[in-house]
Amino acid sequence: MNMEQKRGEVAEAEALVKVYQSLKQEIHKVIVGQEEVIDQVLLSIFCNGHSLLVGVPGLAKTLLIKTISEVLSLDFNRIQFTPDLMPSDIIGSEILDENRHFKFIKGPLFANIILADEINRTPPKTQAALLEAMQEKNVTAGGKEYALGKPFFVLATQNPIEQEGTYPLPEAQLDRFMFNIILDYPSFAEEVAVVKSTTGSQAPELSKIISAEEILNFQNLIRQVPVADNVVEYAVQLVGKTRPNTALATDKVNEFLSYGAGPRASQYLILGAKGHALVNGKYSPDIEDVQAVALPILRHRVVKNYKAEAEGLSVEDIIRSLF
């Protein structure tokens, strides 16, 4: 790599830090607190990954995603998942036109950002319709493939599984999400700020911060970030430790997990660490960057057994023990 190219990439990395801070500033005009959640959603966008936001109703999951879509110059569609939603309702369907030829009418999935609201309210058949779109970035209808726009993100929200009228997401679907982001109740001070800002007459005006082309450039930049071998090995070992009854598994994992994470987790750990390093002004990730993204990447890829449930042990406790 010549010096000119290197200087260009350093300038791009510095531009990413500025854009990232501007995005957060703009989002905070609407969203109070939720610092970690905003960081993780933005990181998944810059890493070209999908995010699943989990929390009880009323924690601003939908509002957060709508706000993010407003500060990005991207096409945005919201799909409200319900028990009677069919795959064709989201992908689109073929109709006979006036010349008696089949014509494909695109569904709401054809946008840059998809808010899949309450994804666990819809049956598995419709959940599965998202699989090809999320993984392949295209959909198939009537035997033909249709490419989705670039960039393409699914930002889904989910109520806790224990609630009535929900269908647990299958593991294959969960694995397509880069991050599983948990939202918690706001602190007392944050809730006071939320009530003040949402019960007055003033509605904040949001500015568009970044275009689709710039997002694609930053996604490409993150992939070019160099990673030391020891960091890659750490990430792969961390994922390997989550697999019960394998060479790397710890006693705690063997005792409390039914099964661990697959290779996609290792890929996302490195990609997430690259993005985390760049937005924090570093030009190469270290082990701390891997650990910083480990919880949202691993928590939906490992499954506790009945013993962990009985002892009240959380997945996060088990993952942290592997650091």
C-alpha atoms as a PDB file:
ATOM      1  CA  MET A   1       0.000   0.000   0.000  1.00  0.00           C
ATOM      2  CA  ASN A   2       1.449   3.395  -0.975  1.00  0.00           C
ATOM      3  CA  MET A   3       1.561   6.373   1.380  1.00  0.00           C
ATOM      4  CA  GLU A   4      -1.106   8.257  -0.585  1.00  0.00           C
ATOM      5  CA  GLN A   5      -3.599   5.411  -0.201  1.00  0.00           C
ATOM      6  CA  LYS A   6      -2.771   5.031   3.487  1.00  0.00           C
ATOM      7  CA  ARG A   7      -3.321   8.753   4.111  1.00  0.00           C
ATOM      8  CA  GLY A   8      -6.681   8.498   2.301  1.00  0.00           C
ATOM      9  CA  GLU A   9      -7.811   5.641   4.541  1.00  0.00           C
ATOM     10  CA  VAL A  10      -6.700   7.479   7.698  1.00  0.00           C
ATOM     11  CA  ALA A  11      -8.712  10.533   6.556  1.00  0.00           C
ATOM     12  CA  GLU A  12     -11.736   8.272   5.927  1.00  0.00           C
ATOM     13  CA  ALA A  13     -11.354   6.704   9.386  1.00  0.00           C
ATOM     14  CA  GLU A  14     -11.288  10.183  10.968  1.00  0.00           C
ATOM     15  CA  ALA A  15     -14.375  11.145   8.921  1.00  0.00           C
ATOM     16  CA  LEU A  16     -16.180   8.053  10.254  1.00  0.00           C
ATOM     17  CA  VAL A  17     -15.515   9.118  13.864  1.00  0.00           C
ATOM     18  CA  LYS A  18     -16.979  12.588  13.147  1.00  0.00           C
ATOM     19  CA  VAL A  19     -20.044  11.177  11.357  1.00  0.00           C
ATOM     20  CA  TYR A  20     -20.604   8.666  14.171  1.00  0.00           C
ATOM     21  CA  GLN A  21     -20.551  11.434  16.810  1.00  0.00           C
ATOM     22  CA  SER A  22     -22.886  13.618  14.694  1.00  0.00           C
ATOM     23  CA  LEU A  23     -25.335  10.730  14.305  1.00  0.00           C
ATOM     24  CA  LYS A  24     -25.406  10.110  18.060  1.00  0.00           C
ATOM     25  CA  GLN A  25     -25.885  13.828  18.773  1.00  0.00           C
ATOM     26  CA  GLU A  26     -28.838  13.983  16.373  1.00  0.00           C
ATOM     27  CA  ILE A  27     -30.439  10.767  17.724  1.00  0.00           C
ATOM     28  CA  HIS A  28     -30.182  12.114  21.288  1.00  0.00           C
ATOM     29  CA  LYS A  29     -32.478  14.994  20.303  1.00  0.00           C
ATOM     30  CA  VAL A  30     -35.251  12.358  20.452  1.00  0.00           C
ATOM     31  CA  ILE A  31     -33.876   9.431  22.465  1.00  0.00           C
ATOM     32  CA  VAL A  32     -32.901   9.984  26.104  1.00  0.00           C
ATOM     33  CA  GLY A  33     -30.111   7.755  27.445  1.00  0.00           C
ATOM     34  CA  GLN A  34     -29.836   4.260  25.862  1.00  0.00           C
ATOM     35  CA  GLU A  35     -26.175   5.050  25.067  1.00  0.00           C
ATOM     36  CA  GLU A  36     -25.066   1.434  24.650  1.00  0.00           C
ATOM     37  CA  VAL A  37     -28.117   0.528  22.576  1.00  0.00           C
ATOM     38  CA  ILE A  38     -27.546   3.406  20.129  1.00  0.00           C
ATOM     39  CA  ASP A  39     -23.834   2.492  19.860  1.00  0.00           C
ATOM     40  CA  GLN A  40     -24.673  -1.114  19.010  1.00  0.00           C
ATOM     41  CA  VAL A  41     -27.380  -0.313  16.434  1.00  0.00           C
ATOM     42  CA  LEU A  42     -25.113   2.186  14.634  1.00  0.00           C
ATOM     43  CA  LEU A  43     -22.212  -0.263  14.766  1.00  0.00           C
ATOM     44  CA  SER A  44     -24.324  -3.000  13.157  1.00  0.00           C
ATOM     45  CA  ILE A  45     -25.262  -0.580  10.350  1.00  0.00           C
ATOM     46  CA  PHE A  46     -21.625   0.330   9.658  1.00  0.00           C
ATOM     47  CA  CYS A  47     -20.669  -3.374   9.808  1.00  0.00           C
ATOM     48  CA  ASN A  48     -23.497  -4.277   7.387  1.00  0.00           C
ATOM     49  CA  GLY A  49     -25.265  -6.466   9.963  1.00  0.00           C
ATOM     50  CA  HIS A  50     -28.845  -6.814  11.211  1.00  0.00           C
ATOM     51  CA  SER A  51     -29.946  -6.091  14.789  1.00  0.00           C
ATOM     52  CA  LEU A  52     -32.653  -7.517  17.031  1.00  0.00           C
ATOM     53  CA  LEU A  53     -33.842  -5.222  19.837  1.00  0.00           C
ATOM     54  CA  VAL A  54     -35.486  -7.026  22.744  1.00  0.00           C
ATOM     55  CA  GLY A  55     -37.414  -5.370  25.574  1.00  0.00           C
ATOM     56  CA  VAL A  56     -40.835  -4.959  27.132  1.00  0.00           C
ATOM     57  CA  PRO A  57     -43.320  -2.627  25.359  1.00  0.00           C
ATOM     58  CA  GLY A  58     -42.818   1.106  25.806  1.00  0.00           C
ATOM     59  CA  LEU A  59     -39.004   1.272  25.918  1.00  0.00           C
ATOM     60  CA  ALA A  60     -38.769   3.242  22.624  1.00  0.00           C
ATOM     61  CA  LYS A  61     -37.489   0.357  20.473  1.00  0.00           C
ATOM     62  CA  THR A  62     -39.598   1.418  17.496  1.00  0.00           C
ATOM     63  CA  LEU A  63     -38.960   5.122  18.099  1.00  0.00           C
ATOM     64  CA  LEU A  64     -35.194   4.533  18.188  1.00  0.00           C
ATOM     65  CA  ILE A  65     -35.194   2.747  14.820  1.00  0.00           C
ATOM     66  CA  LYS A  66     -37.476   5.372  13.229  1.00  0.00           C
ATOM     67  CA  THR A  67     -35.203   8.121  14.559  1.00  0.00           C
ATOM     68  CA  ILE A  68     -32.110   6.402  13.124  1.00  0.00           C
ATOM     69  CA  SER A  69     -33.838   6.063   9.755  1.00  0.00           C
ATOM     70  CA  GLU A  70     -34.598   9.804   9.801  1.00  0.00           C
ATOM     71  CA  VAL A  71     -30.952  10.827  10.306  1.00  0.00           C
ATOM     72  CA  LEU A  72     -29.780   8.515   7.491  1.00  0.00           C
ATOM     73  CA  SER A  73     -30.692   9.454   3.903  1.00  0.00           C
ATOM     74  CA  LEU A  74     -32.168   6.026   3.198  1.00  0.00           C
ATOM     75  CA  ASP A  75     -35.494   4.491   2.150  1.00  0.00           C
ATOM     76  CA  PHE A  76     -37.324   3.236   5.219  1.00  0.00           C
ATOM     77  CA  ASN A  77     -40.267   0.853   5.597  1.00  0.00           C
ATOM     78  CA  ARG A  78     -41.958  -0.360   8.750  1.00  0.00           C
ATOM     79  CA  ILE A  79     -43.586  -3.798   8.735  1.00  0.00           C
ATOM     80  CA  GLN A  80     -45.875  -4.509  11.662  1.00  0.00           C
ATOM     81  CA  PHE A  81     -45.711  -8.273  12.189  1.00  0.00           C
ATOM     82  CA  THR A  82     -49.048  -9.842  13.118  1.00  0.00           C
ATOM     83  CA  PRO A  83     -50.324 -13.446  13.406  1.00  0.00           C
ATOM     84  CA  ASP A  84     -52.124 -13.225  10.026  1.00  0.00           C
ATOM     85  CA  LEU A  85     -49.209 -11.730   8.028  1.00  0.00           C
ATOM     86  CA  MET A  86     -48.265 -13.827   4.969  1.00  0.00           C
ATOM     87  CA  PRO A  87     -44.829 -14.037   3.267  1.00  0.00           C
ATOM     88  CA  SER A  88     -46.231 -12.310   0.148  1.00  0.00           C
ATOM     89  CA  ASP A  89     -47.290  -9.370   2.350  1.00  0.00           C
ATOM     90  CA  ILE A  90     -43.634  -8.536   2.960  1.00  0.00           C
ATOM     91  CA  ILE A  91     -41.857  -9.846  -0.166  1.00  0.00           C
ATOM     92  CA  GLY A  92     -44.439  -8.857  -2.759  1.00  0.00           C
ATOM     93  CA  SER A  93     -46.499 -10.923  -5.200  1.00  0.00           C
ATOM     94  CA  GLU A  94     -47.092 -11.560  -8.892  1.00  0.00           C
ATOM     95  CA  ILE A  95     -50.261 -10.267 -10.528  1.00  0.00           C
ATOM     96  CA  LEU A  96     -51.676 -10.514 -14.056  1.00  0.00           C
ATOM     97  CA  ASP A  97     -51.428  -7.153 -15.794  1.00  0.00           C
ATOM     98  CA  GLU A  98     -53.829  -5.842 -18.469  1.00  0.00           C
ATOM     99  CA  ASN A  99     -51.837  -7.727 -21.174  1.00  0.00           C
ATOM    100  CA  ARG A 100     -52.255 -10.987 -19.232  1.00  0.00           C
ATOM    101  CA  HIS A 101     -48.547 -11.094 -18.349  1.00  0.00           C
ATOM    102  CA  PHE A 102     -47.337 -11.788 -14.834  1.00  0.00           C
ATOM    103  CA  LYS A 103     -45.931  -8.707 -13.174  1.00  0.00           C
ATOM    104  CA  PHE A 104     -44.098  -8.621  -9.823  1.00  0.00           C
ATOM    105  CA  ILE A 105     -45.327  -5.985  -7.384  1.00  0.00           C
ATOM    106  CA  LYS A 106     -42.594  -5.321  -4.816  1.00  0.00           C
ATOM    107  CA  GLY A 107     -43.494  -5.573  -1.143  1.00  0.00           C
ATOM    108  CA  PRO A 108     -42.310  -3.359   1.734  1.00  0.00           C
ATOM    109  CA  LEU A 109     -39.090  -5.398   2.046  1.00  0.00           C
ATOM    110  CA  PHE A 110     -37.680  -3.360  -0.860  1.00  0.00           C
ATOM    111  CA  ALA A 111     -36.135  -0.515   1.121  1.00  0.00           C
ATOM    112  CA  ASN A 112     -32.732   0.235   2.709  1.00  0.00           C
ATOM    113  CA  ILE A 113     -33.885   0.013   6.327  1.00  0.00           C
ATOM    114  CA  ILE A 114     -36.632  -2.384   7.365  1.00  0.00           C
ATOM    115  CA  LEU A 115     -38.190  -2.023  10.783  1.00  0.00           C
ATOM    116  CA  ALA A 116     -39.569  -5.502  11.479  1.00  0.00           C
ATOM    117  CA  ASP A 117     -41.788  -4.528  14.390  1.00  0.00           C
ATOM    118  CA  GLU A 118     -42.667  -7.242  16.921  1.00  0.00           C
ATOM    119  CA  ILE A 119     -41.129  -9.952  14.739  1.00  0.00           C
ATOM    120  CA  ASN A 120     -42.097 -12.669  17.217  1.00  0.00           C
ATOM    121  CA  ARG A 121     -45.822 -11.908  16.800  1.00  0.00           C
ATOM    122  CA  THR A 122     -45.875 -13.595  13.371  1.00  0.00           C
ATOM    123  CA  PRO A 123     -45.851 -17.351  12.618  1.00  0.00           C
ATOM    124  CA  PRO A 124     -42.634 -19.149  11.542  1.00  0.00           C
ATOM    125  CA  LYS A 125     -43.664 -19.224   7.845  1.00  0.00           C
ATOM    126  CA  THR A 126     -43.527 -15.433   7.630  1.00  0.00           C
ATOM    127  CA  GLN A 127     -40.461 -15.167   9.874  1.00  0.00           C
ATOM    128  CA  ALA A 128     -38.705 -17.536   7.460  1.00  0.00           C
ATOM    129  CA  ALA A 129     -39.562 -15.250   4.531  1.00  0.00           C
ATOM    130  CA  LEU A 130     -37.036 -12.796   5.953  1.00  0.00           C
ATOM    131  CA  LEU A 131     -34.227 -15.395   5.951  1.00  0.00           C
ATOM    132  CA  GLU A 132     -33.225 -15.190   2.290  1.00  0.00           C
ATOM    133  CA  ALA A 133     -33.529 -11.413   2.276  1.00  0.00           C
ATOM    134  CA  MET A 134     -31.319 -11.020   5.364  1.00  0.00           C
ATOM    135  CA  GLN A 135     -28.664 -13.467   4.231  1.00  0.00           C
ATOM    136  CA  GLU A 136     -28.635 -13.209   0.430  1.00  0.00           C
ATOM    137  CA  LYS A 137     -29.838  -9.592   0.114  1.00  0.00           C
ATOM    138  CA  ASN A 138     -32.357 -10.700  -2.510  1.00  0.00           C
ATOM    139  CA  VAL A 139     -35.783 -12.348  -2.674  1.00  0.00           C
ATOM    140  CA  THR A 140     -37.235 -15.034  -4.945  1.00  0.00           C
ATOM    141  CA  ALA A 141     -40.756 -14.798  -6.355  1.00  0.00           C
ATOM    142  CA  GLY A 142     -42.205 -16.847  -9.190  1.00  0.00           C
ATOM    143  CA  GLY A 143     -38.828 -18.512  -9.720  1.00  0.00           C
ATOM    144  CA  LYS A 144     -37.072 -15.176 -10.328  1.00  0.00           C
ATOM    145  CA  GLU A 145     -34.560 -13.430  -8.094  1.00  0.00           C
ATOM    146  CA  TYR A 146     -34.961  -9.750  -7.257  1.00  0.00           C
ATOM    147  CA  ALA A 147     -32.031  -7.874  -5.697  1.00  0.00           C
ATOM    148  CA  LEU A 148     -32.697  -5.645  -2.715  1.00  0.00           C
ATOM    149  CA  GLY A 149     -31.266  -2.128  -2.521  1.00  0.00           C
ATOM    150  CA  LYS A 150     -27.867  -1.360  -0.971  1.00  0.00           C
ATOM    151  CA  PRO A 151     -27.333  -0.865   1.895  1.00  0.00           C
ATOM    152  CA  PHE A 152     -29.981  -3.187   3.373  1.00  0.00           C
ATOM    153  CA  PHE A 153     -30.618  -3.643   7.105  1.00  0.00           C
ATOM    154  CA  VAL A 154     -33.284  -5.413   9.078  1.00  0.00           C
ATOM    155  CA  LEU A 155     -33.689  -3.796  12.488  1.00  0.00           C
ATOM    156  CA  ALA A 156     -36.226  -5.965  14.293  1.00  0.00           C
ATOM    157  CA  THR A 157     -37.963  -5.485  17.627  1.00  0.00           C
ATOM    158  CA  GLN A 158     -39.199  -8.281  19.842  1.00  0.00           C
ATOM    159  CA  ASN A 159     -41.183  -8.491  23.049  1.00  0.00           C
ATOM    160  CA  PRO A 160     -39.962 -11.021  25.613  1.00  0.00           C
ATOM    161  CA  ILE A 161     -40.908 -14.575  24.584  1.00  0.00           C
ATOM    162  CA  GLU A 162     -42.804 -15.176  27.848  1.00  0.00           C
ATOM    163  CA  GLN A 163     -45.553 -12.794  26.743  1.00  0.00           C
ATOM    164  CA  GLU A 164     -48.796 -14.129  25.284  1.00  0.00           C
ATOM    165  CA  GLY A 165     -49.278 -14.531  21.536  1.00  0.00           C
ATOM    166  CA  THR A 166     -45.624 -14.826  20.572  1.00  0.00           C
ATOM    167  CA  TYR A 167     -43.738 -17.311  18.399  1.00  0.00           C
ATOM    168  CA  PRO A 168     -40.115 -17.889  19.479  1.00  0.00           C
ATOM    169  CA  LEU A 169     -37.687 -17.104  16.653  1.00  0.00           C
ATOM    170  CA  PRO A 170     -35.986 -20.249  15.309  1.00  0.00           C
ATOM    171  CA  GLU A 171     -32.215 -20.519  15.850  1.00  0.00           C
ATOM    172  CA  ALA A 172     -31.493 -20.180  12.113  1.00  0.00           C
ATOM    173  CA  GLN A 173     -33.349 -16.863  12.076  1.00  0.00           C
ATOM    174  CA  LEU A 174     -31.663 -15.623  15.260  1.00  0.00           C
ATOM    175  CA  ASP A 175     -28.243 -16.455  13.815  1.00  0.00           C
ATOM    176  CA  ARG A 176     -28.858 -14.011  10.947  1.00  0.00           C
ATOM    177  CA  PHE A 177     -28.827 -11.115  13.411  1.00  0.00           C
ATOM    178  CA  MET A 178     -25.380  -9.715  14.100  1.00  0.00           C
ATOM    179  CA  PHE A 179     -26.457  -8.158  17.412  1.00  0.00           C
ATOM    180  CA  ASN A 180     -29.099  -9.086  19.956  1.00  0.00           C
ATOM    181  CA  ILE A 181     -29.568  -5.837  21.884  1.00  0.00           C
ATOM    182  CA  ILE A 182     -31.338  -5.828  25.246  1.00  0.00           C
ATOM    183  CA  LEU A 183     -33.189  -2.664  26.287  1.00  0.00           C
ATOM    184  CA  ASP A 184     -33.741  -2.026  29.969  1.00  0.00           C
ATOM    185  CA  TYR A 185     -35.944   0.395  31.897  1.00  0.00           C
ATOM    186  CA  PRO A 186     -34.628   3.977  32.034  1.00  0.00           C
ATOM    187  CA  SER A 187     -33.184   5.414  35.227  1.00  0.00           C
ATOM    188  CA  PHE A 188     -35.344   7.818  37.281  1.00  0.00           C
ATOM    189  CA  ALA A 189     -33.559  10.907  35.863  1.00  0.00           C
ATOM    190  CA  GLU A 190     -33.843   9.574  32.284  1.00  0.00           C
ATOM    191  CA  GLU A 191     -37.557   8.859  32.685  1.00  0.00           C
ATOM    192  CA  VAL A 192     -38.142  12.405  34.010  1.00  0.00           C
ATOM    193  CA  ALA A 193     -36.326  13.752  30.904  1.00  0.00           C
ATOM    194  CA  VAL A 194     -38.413  11.473  28.625  1.00  0.00           C
ATOM    195  CA  VAL A 195     -41.698  12.676  30.165  1.00  0.00           C
ATOM    196  CA  LYS A 196     -40.673  16.356  29.884  1.00  0.00           C
ATOM    197  CA  SER A 197     -39.560  16.023  26.262  1.00  0.00           C
ATOM    198  CA  THR A 198     -42.593  14.016  25.072  1.00  0.00           C
ATOM    199  CA  THR A 199     -45.474  15.849  26.775  1.00  0.00           C
ATOM    200  CA  GLY A 200     -44.748  19.362  25.482  1.00  0.00           C
ATOM    201  CA  SER A 201     -45.643  21.002  22.178  1.00  0.00           C
ATOM    202  CA  GLN A 202     -42.106  21.111  20.742  1.00  0.00           C
ATOM    203  CA  ALA A 203     -41.124  18.323  18.332  1.00  0.00           C
ATOM    204  CA  PRO A 204     -37.382  18.132  17.583  1.00  0.00           C
ATOM    205  CA  GLU A 205     -36.281  18.625  13.983  1.00  0.00           C
ATOM    206  CA  LEU A 206     -33.754  16.072  12.772  1.00  0.00           C
ATOM    207  CA  SER A 207     -31.119  16.585  10.075  1.00  0.00           C
ATOM    208  CA  LYS A 208     -29.958  14.000   7.545  1.00  0.00           C
ATOM    209  CA  ILE A 209     -26.341  13.204   8.414  1.00  0.00           C
ATOM    210  CA  ILE A 210     -25.171  10.557   5.948  1.00  0.00           C
ATOM    211  CA  SER A 211     -26.088   9.175   2.515  1.00  0.00           C
ATOM    212  CA  ALA A 212     -26.376   5.581   1.275  1.00  0.00           C
ATOM    213  CA  GLU A 213     -23.144   5.939  -0.717  1.00  0.00           C
ATOM    214  CA  GLU A 214     -21.215   7.147   2.348  1.00  0.00           C
ATOM    215  CA  ILE A 215     -22.531   4.220   4.416  1.00  0.00           C
ATOM    216  CA  LEU A 216     -21.364   1.767   1.735  1.00  0.00           C
ATOM    217  CA  ASN A 217     -17.918   3.452   1.707  1.00  0.00           C
ATOM    218  CA  PHE A 218     -17.627   3.168   5.507  1.00  0.00           C
ATOM    219  CA  GLN A 219     -18.734  -0.490   5.368  1.00  0.00           C
ATOM    220  CA  ASN A 220     -15.946  -1.130   2.863  1.00  0.00           C
ATOM    221  CA  LEU A 221     -13.444   0.801   5.027  1.00  0.00           C
ATOM    222  CA  ILE A 222     -14.255  -1.323   8.108  1.00  0.00           C
ATOM    223  CA  ARG A 223     -13.578  -4.510   6.129  1.00  0.00           C
ATOM    224  CA  GLN A 224     -10.126  -3.179   5.179  1.00  0.00           C
ATOM    225  CA  VAL A 225      -9.033  -2.637   8.803  1.00  0.00           C
ATOM    226  CA  PRO A 226      -6.027  -4.886   9.583  1.00  0.00           C
ATOM    227  CA  VAL A 227      -6.333  -7.318  12.517  1.00  0.00           C
ATOM    228  CA  ALA A 228      -3.444  -8.978  14.356  1.00  0.00           C
ATOM    229  CA  ASP A 229      -3.418 -12.791  14.368  1.00  0.00           C
ATOM    230  CA  ASN A 230      -3.598 -12.954  18.167  1.00  0.00           C
ATOM    231  CA  VAL A 231      -6.870 -10.957  18.110  1.00  0.00           C
ATOM    232  CA  VAL A 232      -8.411 -13.285  15.495  1.00  0.00           C
ATOM    233  CA  GLU A 233      -7.274 -16.306  17.528  1.00  0.00           C
ATOM    234  CA  TYR A 234      -8.746 -14.781  20.714  1.00  0.00           C
ATOM    235  CA  ALA A 235     -12.124 -14.303  18.990  1.00  0.00           C
ATOM    236  CA  VAL A 236     -12.164 -17.866  17.620  1.00  0.00           C
ATOM    237  CA  GLN A 237     -11.126 -19.280  21.016  1.00  0.00           C
ATOM    238  CA  LEU A 238     -13.838 -17.243  22.769  1.00  0.00           C
ATOM    239  CA  VAL A 239     -16.473 -18.734  20.461  1.00  0.00           C
ATOM    240  CA  GLY A 240     -14.920 -22.199  20.807  1.00  0.00           C
ATOM    241  CA  LYS A 241     -15.213 -21.972  24.596  1.00  0.00           C
ATOM    242  CA  THR A 242     -19.011 -21.634  24.314  1.00  0.00           C
ATOM    243  CA  ARG A 243     -19.348 -25.137  22.799  1.00  0.00           C
ATOM    244  CA  PRO A 244     -20.057 -27.735  25.498  1.00  0.00           C
ATOM    245  CA  ASN A 245     -18.013 -30.947  25.556  1.00  0.00           C
ATOM    246  CA  THR A 246     -15.347 -29.687  23.145  1.00  0.00           C
ATOM    247  CA  ALA A 247     -11.621 -29.192  23.752  1.00  0.00           C
ATOM    248  CA  LEU A 248     -11.908 -25.470  24.612  1.00  0.00           C
ATOM    249  CA  ALA A 249     -15.063 -25.641  26.762  1.00  0.00           C
ATOM    250  CA  THR A 250     -14.753 -24.585  30.407  1.00  0.00           C
ATOM    251  CA  ASP A 251     -16.308 -26.502  33.308  1.00  0.00           C
ATOM    252  CA  LYS A 252     -18.954 -23.773  33.616  1.00  0.00           C
ATOM    253  CA  VAL A 253     -19.911 -24.134  29.935  1.00  0.00           C
ATOM    254  CA  ASN A 254     -20.115 -27.942  30.169  1.00  0.00           C
ATOM    255  CA  GLU A 255     -22.311 -27.610  33.228  1.00  0.00           C
ATOM    256  CA  PHE A 256     -24.685 -24.850  32.145  1.00  0.00           C
ATOM    257  CA  LEU A 257     -24.941 -24.680  28.318  1.00  0.00           C
ATOM    258  CA  SER A 258     -26.867 -26.962  25.960  1.00  0.00           C
ATOM    259  CA  TYR A 259     -25.016 -25.742  22.879  1.00  0.00           C
ATOM    260  CA  GLY A 260     -22.719 -22.934  21.817  1.00  0.00           C
ATOM    261  CA  ALA A 261     -22.129 -20.471  18.982  1.00  0.00           C
ATOM    262  CA  GLY A 262     -21.222 -21.365  15.388  1.00  0.00           C
ATOM    263  CA  PRO A 263     -18.531 -19.910  13.079  1.00  0.00           C
ATOM    264  CA  ARG A 264     -20.733 -16.940  12.115  1.00  0.00           C
ATOM    265  CA  ALA A 265     -20.163 -15.651  15.679  1.00  0.00           C
ATOM    266  CA  SER A 266     -16.377 -15.609  15.113  1.00  0.00           C
ATOM    267  CA  GLN A 267     -16.825 -13.666  11.872  1.00  0.00           C
ATOM    268  CA  TYR A 268     -19.108 -11.118  13.543  1.00  0.00           C
ATOM    269  CA  LEU A 269     -16.744 -10.747  16.528  1.00  0.00           C
ATOM    270  CA  ILE A 270     -13.908  -9.680  14.228  1.00  0.00           C
ATOM    271  CA  LEU A 271     -16.113  -7.486  12.045  1.00  0.00           C
ATOM    272  CA  GLY A 272     -17.681  -5.886  15.142  1.00  0.00           C
ATOM    273  CA  ALA A 273     -14.246  -5.383  16.748  1.00  0.00           C
ATOM    274  CA  LYS A 274     -12.986  -3.661  13.572  1.00  0.00           C
ATOM    275  CA  GLY A 275     -15.977  -1.305  13.600  1.00  0.00           C
ATOM    276  CA  HIS A 276     -15.708  -0.700  17.357  1.00  0.00           C
ATOM    277  CA  ALA A 277     -12.021   0.189  17.011  1.00  0.00           C
ATOM    278  CA  LEU A 278     -12.609   2.611  14.113  1.00  0.00           C
ATOM    279  CA  VAL A 279     -15.491   4.552  15.688  1.00  0.00           C
ATOM    280  CA  ASN A 280     -13.344   4.937  18.821  1.00  0.00           C
ATOM    281  CA  GLY A 281     -10.439   6.421  16.867  1.00  0.00           C
ATOM    282  CA  LYS A 282      -8.229   3.288  16.688  1.00  0.00           C
ATOM    283  CA  TYR A 283      -6.853   1.939  13.415  1.00  0.00           C
ATOM    284  CA  SER A 284      -6.706  -1.723  14.446  1.00  0.00           C
ATOM    285  CA  PRO A 285      -8.782  -3.691  16.978  1.00  0.00           C
ATOM    286  CA  ASP A 286      -7.376  -5.335  20.100  1.00  0.00           C
ATOM    287  CA  ILE A 287      -8.789  -7.922  22.507  1.00  0.00           C
ATOM    288  CA  GLU A 288     -10.767  -5.222  24.402  1.00  0.00           C
ATOM    289  CA  ASP A 289     -12.653  -4.417  21.167  1.00  0.00           C
ATOM    290  CA  VAL A 290     -13.606  -8.096  20.782  1.00  0.00           C
ATOM    291  CA  GLN A 291     -14.853  -8.166  24.378  1.00  0.00           C
ATOM    292  CA  ALA A 292     -16.796  -4.922  23.857  1.00  0.00           C
ATOM    293  CA  VAL A 293     -18.976  -6.541  21.156  1.00  0.00           C
ATOM    294  CA  ALA A 294     -19.036 -10.102  22.568  1.00  0.00           C
ATOM    295  CA  LEU A 295     -22.255  -9.912  24.641  1.00  0.00           C
ATOM    296  CA  PRO A 296     -24.665  -8.716  21.901  1.00  0.00           C
ATOM    297  CA  ILE A 297     -23.060 -11.105  19.388  1.00  0.00           C
ATOM    298  CA  LEU A 298     -23.020 -14.231  21.571  1.00  0.00           C
ATOM    299  CA  ARG A 299     -26.096 -13.929  23.824  1.00  0.00           C
ATOM    300  CA  HIS A 300     -28.547 -15.250  21.180  1.00  0.00           C
ATOM    301  CA  ARG A 301     -26.171 -17.924  19.893  1.00  0.00           C
ATOM    302  CA  VAL A 302     -25.702 -19.901  23.104  1.00  0.00           C
ATOM    303  CA  VAL A 303     -28.477 -21.792  24.864  1.00  0.00           C
ATOM    304  CA  LYS A 304     -28.654 -22.435  28.607  1.00  0.00           C
ATOM    305  CA  ASN A 305     -29.731 -25.801  29.991  1.00  0.00           C
ATOM    306  CA  TYR A 306     -32.311 -26.464  32.719  1.00  0.00           C
ATOM    307  CA  LYS A 307     -29.589 -26.377  35.417  1.00  0.00           C
ATOM    308  CA  ALA A 308     -28.597 -22.798  34.537  1.00  0.00           C
ATOM    309  CA  GLU A 309     -32.286 -21.830  34.569  1.00  0.00           C
ATOM    310  CA  ALA A 310     -32.763 -23.477  37.987  1.00  0.00           C
ATOM    311  CA  GLU A 311     -29.767 -21.640  39.451  1.00  0.00           C
ATOM    312  CA  GLY A 312     -30.811 -18.279  37.947  1.00  0.00           C
ATOM    313  CA  LEU A 313     -27.614 -17.975  35.901  1.00  0.00           C
ATOM    314  CA  SER A 314     -27.818 -15.602  32.936  1.00  0.00           C
ATOM    315  CA  VAL A 315     -26.231 -16.140  29.526  1.00  0.00           C
ATOM    316  CA  GLU A 316     -24.297 -12.892  30.071  1.00  0.00           C
ATOM    317  CA  ASP A 317     -22.754 -14.261  33.300  1.00  0.00           C
ATOM    318  CA  ILE A 318     -21.537 -17.339  31.438  1.00  0.00           C
ATOM    319  CA  ILE A 319     -20.116 -15.315  28.513  1.00  0.00           C
ATOM    320  CA  ARG A 320     -18.296 -12.883  30.846  1.00  0.00           C
ATOM    321  CA  SER A 321     -16.724 -15.844  32.660  1.00  0.00           C
ATOM    322  CA  LEU A 322     -15.015 -16.754  29.362  1.00  0.00           C
ATOM    323  CA  PHE A 323     -13.193 -13.409  29.036  1.00  0.00           C
END
